[in-house]
Amino acid sequence: MRWSHRTRPPAAHPGTQWRPGAARVAAFGVLTALIVMGWPTVADAQSADTPPPSPAADTPRAAGGTAPTDPSAQGGTGPKAPAAPGPAPEAGAEPPNAPSAQPAPPAPRLEEGFVWLFDGTSLKGWVGDTAGYAVQDAAIACTPAGRNIYTEREYGDFTLRLEFMLTPGANNGIGLRAPREGDAAFDGIEVQVLDDAHPTYASIKPWQAHGSVYGVVPAKRGALKPAGEWNEQEIDLQGTRIRVTLNGTVIVDADLYRHAHDGTIDGKPHPGLRRTSGHIGFLGHGDRVLYRRIRIRENP
């Protein structure tokens, strides 16, 4: 409490007379004692509302007078105060800034000399039964109504690269040097696309297995991935020579002229083996098959 000239403390001893001058001296002594004991002053109250000085000014120094390095203070800024904890995430919720469970795939890379046959968004550049195919997730998908679609342009000697995915038991084909009319497997060249591990095809002929030149050259088996997985395939057609590579394994390497001259193994005529150019196509049978990253390099 504050003392005033109206307030008199009790006498220290009976009979002692109150003297204002003595009271002021006593009050000054008490106040001095309180300050020495650490009681807050007006200056202390003001400093409580004043921002603290820069951490650099208060940073403790190691022995030898060198201030310890703080990684968070690099670049001229001091360390930041830790943020107040936020509300706990709900059960099963993904924490903020957590990496995606399925990172986006890298952008497609186009090899030197190749051009895209499929832009990833539309069937522009394709003709035929385009109503039987759809674009889904940057892939051409054969629907239950899908039959044959072809490139607008014709190609002669080339290297074709693509990725494909089969569904269980699916059947399709890749037409090469094919006309837009007739049966591409005979009037052109067909490389078989087939889930040949499915029980439905347990008794197929060797020249009907995936990657075979249908009715002409049987393919080596064992390189095809299970249905539901993406495969990479390359078809190199140069003159009468054809080579098919599946997931890094060469499964066909043959001279079509010899097979055309000596007679095909299915015993049927294949006039398309003598064609020097034609369309590239997907030959559907109503089974769901997906193709993506379709590109071609024309060879001289």
C-alpha atoms as a PDB file:
ATOM      1  CA  MET A   1       0.000   0.000   0.000  1.00  0.00           C
ATOM      2  CA  ARG A   2       1.079   3.552  -0.449  1.00  0.00           C
ATOM      3  CA  TRP A   3       1.670   5.852   2.481  1.00  0.00           C
ATOM      4  CA  SER A   4       0.594   9.477   2.606  1.00  0.00           C
ATOM      5  CA  HIS A   5       0.799  12.239   5.035  1.00  0.00           C
ATOM      6  CA  ARG A   6      -2.685  11.154   6.220  1.00  0.00           C
ATOM      7  CA  THR A   7      -1.570   7.666   7.006  1.00  0.00           C
ATOM      8  CA  ARG A   8       0.431   7.018  10.048  1.00  0.00           C
ATOM      9  CA  PRO A   9       2.033   3.671  10.851  1.00  0.00           C
ATOM     10  CA  PRO A  10       1.791   2.397  14.365  1.00  0.00           C
ATOM     11  CA  ALA A  11       4.484   3.684  16.637  1.00  0.00           C
ATOM     12  CA  ALA A  12       7.522   1.513  17.065  1.00  0.00           C
ATOM     13  CA  HIS A  13       7.512   2.085  20.778  1.00  0.00           C
ATOM     14  CA  PRO A  14       4.879   3.445  23.134  1.00  0.00           C
ATOM     15  CA  GLY A  15       5.189   7.155  23.561  1.00  0.00           C
ATOM     16  CA  THR A  16       7.091   7.722  20.315  1.00  0.00           C
ATOM     17  CA  GLN A  17       5.841  10.831  18.535  1.00  0.00           C
ATOM     18  CA  TRP A  18       4.972  10.631  14.769  1.00  0.00           C
ATOM     19  CA  ARG A  19       7.247  12.770  12.685  1.00  0.00           C
ATOM     20  CA  PRO A  20       6.522  13.201   8.917  1.00  0.00           C
ATOM     21  CA  GLY A  21      10.172  13.598   8.043  1.00  0.00           C
ATOM     22  CA  ALA A  22      11.069  10.332   9.738  1.00  0.00           C
ATOM     23  CA  ALA A  23       8.212   8.576   7.874  1.00  0.00           C
ATOM     24  CA  ARG A  24       9.577   9.691   4.525  1.00  0.00           C
ATOM     25  CA  VAL A  25      13.001   8.347   5.402  1.00  0.00           C
ATOM     26  CA  ALA A  26      11.506   5.033   6.488  1.00  0.00           C
ATOM     27  CA  ALA A  27       9.411   4.734   3.339  1.00  0.00           C
ATOM     28  CA  PHE A  28      12.423   5.374   1.154  1.00  0.00           C
ATOM     29  CA  GLY A  29      14.310   2.662   2.965  1.00  0.00           C
ATOM     30  CA  VAL A  30      11.511   0.125   2.526  1.00  0.00           C
ATOM     31  CA  LEU A  31      11.201   0.914  -1.205  1.00  0.00           C
ATOM     32  CA  THR A  32      14.928   0.539  -1.644  1.00  0.00           C
ATOM     33  CA  ALA A  33      14.798  -2.834   0.053  1.00  0.00           C
ATOM     34  CA  LEU A  34      11.973  -4.032  -2.188  1.00  0.00           C
ATOM     35  CA  ILE A  35      13.854  -3.080  -5.341  1.00  0.00           C
ATOM     36  CA  VAL A  36      16.960  -4.881  -4.129  1.00  0.00           C
ATOM     37  CA  MET A  37      14.831  -7.996  -3.410  1.00  0.00           C
ATOM     38  CA  GLY A  38      13.667  -8.065  -7.059  1.00  0.00           C
ATOM     39  CA  TRP A  39      10.162  -6.663  -6.914  1.00  0.00           C
ATOM     40  CA  PRO A  40       8.995  -5.512 -10.376  1.00  0.00           C
ATOM     41  CA  THR A  41       9.416  -1.884 -11.228  1.00  0.00           C
ATOM     42  CA  VAL A  42       7.741   0.312 -13.848  1.00  0.00           C
ATOM     43  CA  ALA A  43      10.695  -0.325 -16.166  1.00  0.00           C
ATOM     44  CA  ASP A  44      10.163  -4.068 -15.736  1.00  0.00           C
ATOM     45  CA  ALA A  45       6.489  -3.753 -16.648  1.00  0.00           C
ATOM     46  CA  GLN A  46       7.344  -1.838 -19.811  1.00  0.00           C
ATOM     47  CA  SER A  47       9.974  -4.371 -20.890  1.00  0.00           C
ATOM     48  CA  ALA A  48       7.390  -7.183 -20.706  1.00  0.00           C
ATOM     49  CA  ASP A  49       5.575  -5.645 -23.712  1.00  0.00           C
ATOM     50  CA  THR A  50       8.739  -5.007 -25.708  1.00  0.00           C
ATOM     51  CA  PRO A  51       9.791  -7.573 -28.384  1.00  0.00           C
ATOM     52  CA  PRO A  52      12.929  -9.500 -27.441  1.00  0.00           C
ATOM     53  CA  PRO A  53      16.148  -8.488 -29.128  1.00  0.00           C
ATOM     54  CA  SER A  54      17.488 -10.317 -32.151  1.00  0.00           C
ATOM     55  CA  PRO A  55      18.611 -13.869 -31.267  1.00  0.00           C
ATOM     56  CA  ALA A  56      22.030 -12.974 -32.634  1.00  0.00           C
ATOM     57  CA  ALA A  57      22.506 -10.522 -29.787  1.00  0.00           C
ATOM     58  CA  ASP A  58      21.680 -13.150 -27.139  1.00  0.00           C
ATOM     59  CA  THR A  59      23.279 -16.180 -28.763  1.00  0.00           C
ATOM     60  CA  PRO A  60      25.546 -17.888 -26.240  1.00  0.00           C
ATOM     61  CA  ARG A  61      29.096 -18.255 -27.402  1.00  0.00           C
ATOM     62  CA  ALA A  62      31.252 -21.280 -27.210  1.00  0.00           C
ATOM     63  CA  ALA A  63      34.642 -21.306 -25.586  1.00  0.00           C
ATOM     64  CA  GLY A  64      37.044 -19.038 -27.416  1.00  0.00           C
ATOM     65  CA  GLY A  65      34.394 -16.402 -28.157  1.00  0.00           C
ATOM     66  CA  THR A  66      32.939 -18.033 -31.296  1.00  0.00           C
ATOM     67  CA  ALA A  67      29.164 -18.222 -31.537  1.00  0.00           C
ATOM     68  CA  PRO A  68      27.879 -21.757 -32.311  1.00  0.00           C
ATOM     69  CA  THR A  69      26.405 -22.187 -35.803  1.00  0.00           C
ATOM     70  CA  ASP A  70      22.642 -22.668 -36.025  1.00  0.00           C
ATOM     71  CA  PRO A  71      21.557 -24.257 -39.364  1.00  0.00           C
ATOM     72  CA  SER A  72      18.202 -22.524 -39.138  1.00  0.00           C
ATOM     73  CA  ALA A  73      19.950 -19.152 -38.914  1.00  0.00           C
ATOM     74  CA  GLN A  74      21.819 -19.539 -42.198  1.00  0.00           C
ATOM     75  CA  GLY A  75      21.146 -16.867 -44.797  1.00  0.00           C
ATOM     76  CA  GLY A  76      20.846 -14.024 -42.271  1.00  0.00           C
ATOM     77  CA  THR A  77      17.642 -15.066 -40.525  1.00  0.00           C
ATOM     78  CA  GLY A  78      17.345 -16.198 -36.973  1.00  0.00           C
ATOM     79  CA  PRO A  79      15.742 -19.422 -35.791  1.00  0.00           C
ATOM     80  CA  LYS A  80      11.975 -19.455 -35.803  1.00  0.00           C
ATOM     81  CA  ALA A  81       9.901 -20.202 -32.743  1.00  0.00           C
ATOM     82  CA  PRO A  82       8.196 -23.592 -32.929  1.00  0.00           C
ATOM     83  CA  ALA A  83       4.631 -23.393 -34.200  1.00  0.00           C
ATOM     84  CA  ALA A  84       1.831 -24.135 -31.804  1.00  0.00           C
ATOM     85  CA  PRO A  85       0.526 -27.672 -32.261  1.00  0.00           C
ATOM     86  CA  GLY A  86      -2.623 -27.847 -34.372  1.00  0.00           C
ATOM     87  CA  PRO A  87      -5.619 -30.104 -33.880  1.00  0.00           C
ATOM     88  CA  ALA A  88      -4.943 -33.817 -34.035  1.00  0.00           C
ATOM     89  CA  PRO A  89      -5.728 -35.368 -37.478  1.00  0.00           C
ATOM     90  CA  GLU A  90      -8.800 -37.518 -37.771  1.00  0.00           C
ATOM     91  CA  ALA A  91      -8.369 -41.271 -37.808  1.00  0.00           C
ATOM     92  CA  GLY A  92      -7.235 -42.460 -41.225  1.00  0.00           C
ATOM     93  CA  ALA A  93      -6.614 -38.926 -42.457  1.00  0.00           C
ATOM     94  CA  GLU A  94      -3.486 -38.223 -44.470  1.00  0.00           C
ATOM     95  CA  PRO A  95      -1.159 -35.712 -42.742  1.00  0.00           C
ATOM     96  CA  PRO A  96      -0.624 -32.369 -44.489  1.00  0.00           C
ATOM     97  CA  ASN A  97       2.067 -32.324 -47.174  1.00  0.00           C
ATOM     98  CA  ALA A  98       2.314 -36.120 -47.109  1.00  0.00           C
ATOM     99  CA  PRO A  99       3.632 -37.668 -50.339  1.00  0.00           C
ATOM    100  CA  SER A 100       1.018 -39.086 -52.635  1.00  0.00           C
ATOM    101  CA  ALA A 101       0.486 -42.814 -52.343  1.00  0.00           C
ATOM    102  CA  GLN A 102       0.699 -43.031 -56.142  1.00  0.00           C
ATOM    103  CA  PRO A 103       3.205 -40.502 -57.449  1.00  0.00           C
ATOM    104  CA  ALA A 104       2.571 -39.161 -60.891  1.00  0.00           C
ATOM    105  CA  PRO A 105       4.459 -40.928 -63.586  1.00  0.00           C
ATOM    106  CA  PRO A 106       7.278 -39.100 -65.326  1.00  0.00           C
ATOM    107  CA  ALA A 107       6.528 -37.260 -68.545  1.00  0.00           C
ATOM    108  CA  PRO A 108       6.857 -39.544 -71.581  1.00  0.00           C
ATOM    109  CA  ARG A 109      10.186 -39.318 -73.355  1.00  0.00           C
ATOM    110  CA  LEU A 110      10.216 -39.517 -77.132  1.00  0.00           C
ATOM    111  CA  GLU A 111      13.294 -41.236 -78.524  1.00  0.00           C
ATOM    112  CA  GLU A 112      15.303 -39.614 -81.283  1.00  0.00           C
ATOM    113  CA  GLY A 113      13.732 -40.086 -84.713  1.00  0.00           C
ATOM    114  CA  PHE A 114      10.342 -41.205 -83.360  1.00  0.00           C
ATOM    115  CA  VAL A 115       6.980 -39.486 -83.648  1.00  0.00           C
ATOM    116  CA  TRP A 116       3.770 -40.112 -81.751  1.00  0.00           C
ATOM    117  CA  LEU A 117       0.981 -42.063 -83.423  1.00  0.00           C
ATOM    118  CA  PHE A 118      -1.335 -41.304 -80.492  1.00  0.00           C
ATOM    119  CA  ASP A 119      -1.537 -37.940 -78.730  1.00  0.00           C
ATOM    120  CA  GLY A 120      -2.856 -39.413 -75.477  1.00  0.00           C
ATOM    121  CA  THR A 121      -6.121 -37.477 -75.566  1.00  0.00           C
ATOM    122  CA  SER A 122      -7.982 -38.310 -78.789  1.00  0.00           C
ATOM    123  CA  LEU A 123      -8.143 -40.668 -81.762  1.00  0.00           C
ATOM    124  CA  LYS A 124      -6.955 -37.966 -84.112  1.00  0.00           C
ATOM    125  CA  GLY A 125      -4.995 -39.611 -86.931  1.00  0.00           C
ATOM    126  CA  TRP A 126      -6.922 -42.891 -86.671  1.00  0.00           C
ATOM    127  CA  VAL A 127      -9.697 -44.157 -88.953  1.00  0.00           C
ATOM    128  CA  GLY A 128     -11.977 -47.164 -89.151  1.00  0.00           C
ATOM    129  CA  ASP A 129     -14.074 -48.366 -86.221  1.00  0.00           C
ATOM    130  CA  THR A 130     -13.181 -45.444 -83.982  1.00  0.00           C
ATOM    131  CA  ALA A 131     -16.570 -45.745 -82.230  1.00  0.00           C
ATOM    132  CA  GLY A 132     -15.428 -49.122 -80.878  1.00  0.00           C
ATOM    133  CA  TYR A 133     -12.427 -47.610 -79.110  1.00  0.00           C
ATOM    134  CA  ALA A 134     -12.144 -45.026 -76.342  1.00  0.00           C
ATOM    135  CA  VAL A 135      -9.390 -42.906 -74.829  1.00  0.00           C
ATOM    136  CA  GLN A 136      -8.980 -43.713 -71.140  1.00  0.00           C
ATOM    137  CA  ASP A 137      -6.111 -42.624 -68.877  1.00  0.00           C
ATOM    138  CA  ALA A 138      -3.944 -41.616 -71.850  1.00  0.00           C
ATOM    139  CA  ALA A 139      -4.472 -45.004 -73.510  1.00  0.00           C
ATOM    140  CA  ILE A 140      -6.491 -46.336 -76.433  1.00  0.00           C
ATOM    141  CA  ALA A 141      -8.921 -48.887 -75.040  1.00  0.00           C
ATOM    142  CA  CYS A 142     -10.783 -51.479 -77.082  1.00  0.00           C
ATOM    143  CA  THR A 143     -14.412 -51.681 -75.934  1.00  0.00           C
ATOM    144  CA  PRO A 144     -16.781 -54.655 -76.282  1.00  0.00           C
ATOM    145  CA  ALA A 145     -17.832 -53.237 -79.657  1.00  0.00           C
ATOM    146  CA  GLY A 146     -14.272 -52.683 -80.845  1.00  0.00           C
ATOM    147  CA  ARG A 147     -13.081 -54.136 -84.143  1.00  0.00           C
ATOM    148  CA  ASN A 148     -10.377 -52.588 -86.380  1.00  0.00           C
ATOM    149  CA  ILE A 149      -8.892 -49.106 -86.379  1.00  0.00           C
ATOM    150  CA  TYR A 150      -6.000 -47.947 -88.561  1.00  0.00           C
ATOM    151  CA  THR A 151      -3.597 -45.074 -88.924  1.00  0.00           C
ATOM    152  CA  GLU A 152      -4.567 -42.552 -91.582  1.00  0.00           C
ATOM    153  CA  ARG A 153      -1.100 -42.797 -93.061  1.00  0.00           C
ATOM    154  CA  GLU A 154       0.602 -45.804 -94.600  1.00  0.00           C
ATOM    155  CA  TYR A 155       4.047 -47.005 -93.527  1.00  0.00           C
ATOM    156  CA  GLY A 156       6.605 -49.265 -95.188  1.00  0.00           C
ATOM    157  CA  ASP A 157       9.822 -49.913 -93.223  1.00  0.00           C
ATOM    158  CA  PHE A 158       9.668 -48.777 -89.613  1.00  0.00           C
ATOM    159  CA  THR A 159      10.231 -49.445 -85.935  1.00  0.00           C
ATOM    160  CA  LEU A 160       7.035 -49.382 -83.876  1.00  0.00           C
ATOM    161  CA  ARG A 161       7.135 -49.104 -80.091  1.00  0.00           C
ATOM    162  CA  LEU A 162       4.222 -49.201 -77.689  1.00  0.00           C
ATOM    163  CA  GLU A 163       2.954 -50.422 -74.340  1.00  0.00           C
ATOM    164  CA  PHE A 164      -0.114 -52.589 -73.908  1.00  0.00           C
ATOM    165  CA  MET A 165      -2.160 -54.154 -71.137  1.00  0.00           C
ATOM    166  CA  LEU A 166      -4.323 -57.251 -71.453  1.00  0.00           C
ATOM    167  CA  THR A 167      -7.345 -58.181 -69.405  1.00  0.00           C
ATOM    168  CA  PRO A 168      -7.856 -61.876 -68.574  1.00  0.00           C
ATOM    169  CA  GLY A 169      -8.464 -63.860 -71.759  1.00  0.00           C
ATOM    170  CA  ALA A 170      -8.230 -60.816 -74.026  1.00  0.00           C
ATOM    171  CA  ASN A 171      -7.551 -61.144 -77.771  1.00  0.00           C
ATOM    172  CA  ASN A 172      -6.420 -58.406 -80.150  1.00  0.00           C
ATOM    173  CA  GLY A 173      -3.801 -57.878 -82.844  1.00  0.00           C
ATOM    174  CA  ILE A 174      -1.463 -55.329 -84.395  1.00  0.00           C
ATOM    175  CA  GLY A 175      -1.867 -54.916 -88.139  1.00  0.00           C
ATOM    176  CA  LEU A 176       1.194 -54.069 -90.252  1.00  0.00           C
ATOM    177  CA  ARG A 177       1.255 -52.946 -93.890  1.00  0.00           C
ATOM    178  CA  ALA A 178      -2.456 -53.657 -93.895  1.00  0.00           C
ATOM    179  CA  PRO A 179      -5.119 -52.420 -96.301  1.00  0.00           C
ATOM    180  CA  ARG A 180      -8.230 -50.892 -94.787  1.00  0.00           C
ATOM    181  CA  GLU A 181     -10.374 -53.519 -96.469  1.00  0.00           C
ATOM    182  CA  GLY A 182     -10.234 -57.289 -96.130  1.00  0.00           C
ATOM    183  CA  ASP A 183      -8.691 -59.367 -93.341  1.00  0.00           C
ATOM    184  CA  ALA A 184      -5.504 -57.771 -92.021  1.00  0.00           C
ATOM    185  CA  ALA A 185      -4.177 -61.149 -90.828  1.00  0.00           C
ATOM    186  CA  PHE A 186      -4.017 -62.373 -94.436  1.00  0.00           C
ATOM    187  CA  ASP A 187      -4.201 -59.305 -96.674  1.00  0.00           C
ATOM    188  CA  GLY A 188      -1.619 -57.592 -94.493  1.00  0.00           C
ATOM    189  CA  ILE A 189       0.494 -58.824 -91.577  1.00  0.00           C
ATOM    190  CA  GLU A 190      -0.847 -59.391 -88.067  1.00  0.00           C
ATOM    191  CA  VAL A 191       1.235 -59.667 -84.914  1.00  0.00           C
ATOM    192  CA  GLN A 192      -0.897 -61.463 -82.358  1.00  0.00           C
ATOM    193  CA  VAL A 193      -1.859 -59.778 -79.060  1.00  0.00           C
ATOM    194  CA  LEU A 194      -3.247 -62.432 -76.741  1.00  0.00           C
ATOM    195  CA  ASP A 195      -3.417 -63.469 -73.089  1.00  0.00           C
ATOM    196  CA  ASP A 196      -2.086 -66.847 -74.139  1.00  0.00           C
ATOM    197  CA  ALA A 197      -1.651 -68.016 -70.518  1.00  0.00           C
ATOM    198  CA  HIS A 198      -5.425 -68.001 -70.021  1.00  0.00           C
ATOM    199  CA  PRO A 199      -7.074 -71.460 -69.821  1.00  0.00           C
ATOM    200  CA  THR A 200      -9.256 -70.522 -72.787  1.00  0.00           C
ATOM    201  CA  TYR A 201      -6.187 -70.791 -75.029  1.00  0.00           C
ATOM    202  CA  ALA A 202      -4.647 -73.929 -73.592  1.00  0.00           C
ATOM    203  CA  SER A 203      -4.861 -75.741 -76.945  1.00  0.00           C
ATOM    204  CA  ILE A 204      -3.897 -72.942 -79.388  1.00  0.00           C
ATOM    205  CA  LYS A 205      -1.405 -73.508 -82.178  1.00  0.00           C
ATOM    206  CA  PRO A 206       2.154 -72.190 -81.709  1.00  0.00           C
ATOM    207  CA  TRP A 207       1.564 -69.529 -84.376  1.00  0.00           C
ATOM    208  CA  GLN A 208      -1.418 -68.201 -82.406  1.00  0.00           C
ATOM    209  CA  ALA A 209       0.584 -67.333 -79.261  1.00  0.00           C
ATOM    210  CA  HIS A 210       1.221 -63.733 -78.330  1.00  0.00           C
ATOM    211  CA  GLY A 211       3.734 -61.977 -80.560  1.00  0.00           C
ATOM    212  CA  SER A 212       3.483 -64.510 -83.378  1.00  0.00           C
ATOM    213  CA  VAL A 213       3.066 -63.387 -86.964  1.00  0.00           C
ATOM    214  CA  TYR A 214      -0.380 -64.897 -87.162  1.00  0.00           C
ATOM    215  CA  GLY A 215      -0.434 -68.120 -89.198  1.00  0.00           C
ATOM    216  CA  VAL A 216       3.173 -67.579 -90.313  1.00  0.00           C
ATOM    217  CA  VAL A 217       5.859 -67.384 -87.590  1.00  0.00           C
ATOM    218  CA  PRO A 218       5.428 -68.728 -84.025  1.00  0.00           C
ATOM    219  CA  ALA A 219       6.758 -66.592 -81.198  1.00  0.00           C
ATOM    220  CA  LYS A 220       8.924 -67.631 -78.294  1.00  0.00           C
ATOM    221  CA  ARG A 221       6.775 -67.760 -75.159  1.00  0.00           C
ATOM    222  CA  GLY A 222       7.436 -66.793 -71.544  1.00  0.00           C
ATOM    223  CA  ALA A 223       8.133 -63.051 -71.824  1.00  0.00           C
ATOM    224  CA  LEU A 224       4.517 -61.872 -71.552  1.00  0.00           C
ATOM    225  CA  LYS A 225       3.506 -60.332 -68.226  1.00  0.00           C
ATOM    226  CA  PRO A 226       0.295 -61.411 -66.482  1.00  0.00           C
ATOM    227  CA  ALA A 227      -2.997 -59.779 -67.401  1.00  0.00           C
ATOM    228  CA  GLY A 228      -3.386 -56.419 -65.714  1.00  0.00           C
ATOM    229  CA  GLU A 229       0.278 -55.428 -66.104  1.00  0.00           C
ATOM    230  CA  TRP A 230       1.805 -53.171 -68.726  1.00  0.00           C
ATOM    231  CA  ASN A 231       4.076 -54.725 -71.349  1.00  0.00           C
ATOM    232  CA  GLU A 232       6.574 -52.997 -73.632  1.00  0.00           C
ATOM    233  CA  GLN A 233       6.796 -54.199 -77.214  1.00  0.00           C
ATOM    234  CA  GLU A 234       8.829 -53.232 -80.256  1.00  0.00           C
ATOM    235  CA  ILE A 235       8.190 -54.357 -83.822  1.00  0.00           C
ATOM    236  CA  ASP A 236      10.935 -53.739 -86.343  1.00  0.00           C
ATOM    237  CA  LEU A 237       9.904 -54.291 -89.961  1.00  0.00           C
ATOM    238  CA  GLN A 238      12.582 -53.773 -92.598  1.00  0.00           C
ATOM    239  CA  GLY A 239      11.929 -55.151 -96.076  1.00  0.00           C
ATOM    240  CA  THR A 240      10.986 -58.798 -95.564  1.00  0.00           C
ATOM    241  CA  ARG A 241      12.676 -59.001 -92.137  1.00  0.00           C
ATOM    242  CA  ILE A 242      10.575 -58.757 -88.979  1.00  0.00           C
ATOM    243  CA  ARG A 243      11.761 -58.738 -85.385  1.00  0.00           C
ATOM    244  CA  VAL A 244       9.435 -58.589 -82.364  1.00  0.00           C
ATOM    245  CA  THR A 245      10.861 -57.740 -78.937  1.00  0.00           C
ATOM    246  CA  LEU A 246       8.674 -58.150 -75.848  1.00  0.00           C
ATOM    247  CA  ASN A 247       9.805 -56.738 -72.501  1.00  0.00           C
ATOM    248  CA  GLY A 248      13.416 -56.861 -73.652  1.00  0.00           C
ATOM    249  CA  THR A 249      13.253 -60.394 -75.090  1.00  0.00           C
ATOM    250  CA  VAL A 250      13.331 -61.066 -78.831  1.00  0.00           C
ATOM    251  CA  ILE A 251      10.437 -63.449 -79.444  1.00  0.00           C
ATOM    252  CA  VAL A 252      10.339 -63.329 -83.270  1.00  0.00           C
ATOM    253  CA  ASP A 253      13.185 -62.821 -85.768  1.00  0.00           C
ATOM    254  CA  ALA A 254      12.264 -64.064 -89.217  1.00  0.00           C
ATOM    255  CA  ASP A 255      12.399 -63.512 -92.987  1.00  0.00           C
ATOM    256  CA  LEU A 256       8.848 -63.184 -94.265  1.00  0.00           C
ATOM    257  CA  TYR A 257       9.904 -63.819 -97.838  1.00  0.00           C
ATOM    258  CA  ARG A 258      11.068 -67.331 -96.997  1.00  0.00           C
ATOM    259  CA  HIS A 259       7.782 -68.108 -95.268  1.00  0.00           C
ATOM    260  CA  ALA A 260       5.789 -66.688 -98.172  1.00  0.00           C
ATOM    261  CA  HIS A 261       7.832 -68.651-100.706  1.00  0.00           C
ATOM    262  CA  ASP A 262       7.928 -71.971 -98.880  1.00  0.00           C
ATOM    263  CA  GLY A 263       4.324 -71.904 -97.719  1.00  0.00           C
ATOM    264  CA  THR A 264       2.881 -70.752 -94.403  1.00  0.00           C
ATOM    265  CA  ILE A 265       2.494 -73.094 -91.429  1.00  0.00           C
ATOM    266  CA  ASP A 266      -1.265 -72.553 -91.224  1.00  0.00           C
ATOM    267  CA  GLY A 267      -1.585 -73.743 -94.838  1.00  0.00           C
ATOM    268  CA  LYS A 268      -3.472 -70.622 -95.951  1.00  0.00           C
ATOM    269  CA  PRO A 269      -2.534 -67.969 -98.494  1.00  0.00           C
ATOM    270  CA  HIS A 270      -1.054 -64.760 -97.030  1.00  0.00           C
ATOM    271  CA  PRO A 271      -0.750 -62.316 -99.936  1.00  0.00           C
ATOM    272  CA  GLY A 272      -0.100 -59.529 -97.438  1.00  0.00           C
ATOM    273  CA  LEU A 273       3.427 -60.877 -96.838  1.00  0.00           C
ATOM    274  CA  ARG A 274       4.398 -59.387-100.205  1.00  0.00           C
ATOM    275  CA  ARG A 275       3.093 -55.904 -99.459  1.00  0.00           C
ATOM    276  CA  THR A 276       5.707 -53.188 -99.059  1.00  0.00           C
ATOM    277  CA  SER A 277       3.539 -50.615 -97.277  1.00  0.00           C
ATOM    278  CA  GLY A 278       0.169 -50.186 -95.626  1.00  0.00           C
ATOM    279  CA  HIS A 279      -1.590 -49.060 -92.480  1.00  0.00           C
ATOM    280  CA  ILE A 280      -0.824 -49.890 -88.863  1.00  0.00           C
ATOM    281  CA  GLY A 281      -3.902 -51.032 -86.984  1.00  0.00           C
ATOM    282  CA  PHE A 282      -5.371 -52.497 -83.829  1.00  0.00           C
ATOM    283  CA  LEU A 283      -7.495 -55.531 -84.643  1.00  0.00           C
ATOM    284  CA  GLY A 284     -10.148 -55.972 -81.984  1.00  0.00           C
ATOM    285  CA  HIS A 285     -12.408 -58.867 -81.039  1.00  0.00           C
ATOM    286  CA  GLY A 286     -14.483 -57.046 -78.427  1.00  0.00           C
ATOM    287  CA  ASP A 287     -12.062 -57.775 -75.559  1.00  0.00           C
ATOM    288  CA  ARG A 288     -10.668 -54.994 -73.411  1.00  0.00           C
ATOM    289  CA  VAL A 289      -7.054 -54.258 -74.369  1.00  0.00           C
ATOM    290  CA  LEU A 290      -5.260 -50.959 -73.770  1.00  0.00           C
ATOM    291  CA  TYR A 291      -2.447 -49.377 -75.799  1.00  0.00           C
ATOM    292  CA  ARG A 292      -0.398 -46.336 -74.850  1.00  0.00           C
ATOM    293  CA  ARG A 293       2.844 -44.511 -75.732  1.00  0.00           C
ATOM    294  CA  ILE A 294       2.478 -45.504 -79.372  1.00  0.00           C
ATOM    295  CA  ARG A 295       5.311 -44.098 -81.458  1.00  0.00           C
ATOM    296  CA  ILE A 296       7.032 -44.890 -84.736  1.00  0.00           C
ATOM    297  CA  ARG A 297      10.283 -44.241 -86.511  1.00  0.00           C
ATOM    298  CA  GLU A 298      10.339 -44.616 -90.277  1.00  0.00           C
ATOM    299  CA  ASN A 299      13.471 -46.357 -91.515  1.00  0.00           C
ATOM    300  CA  PRO A 300      15.084 -45.601 -94.892  1.00  0.00           C
END
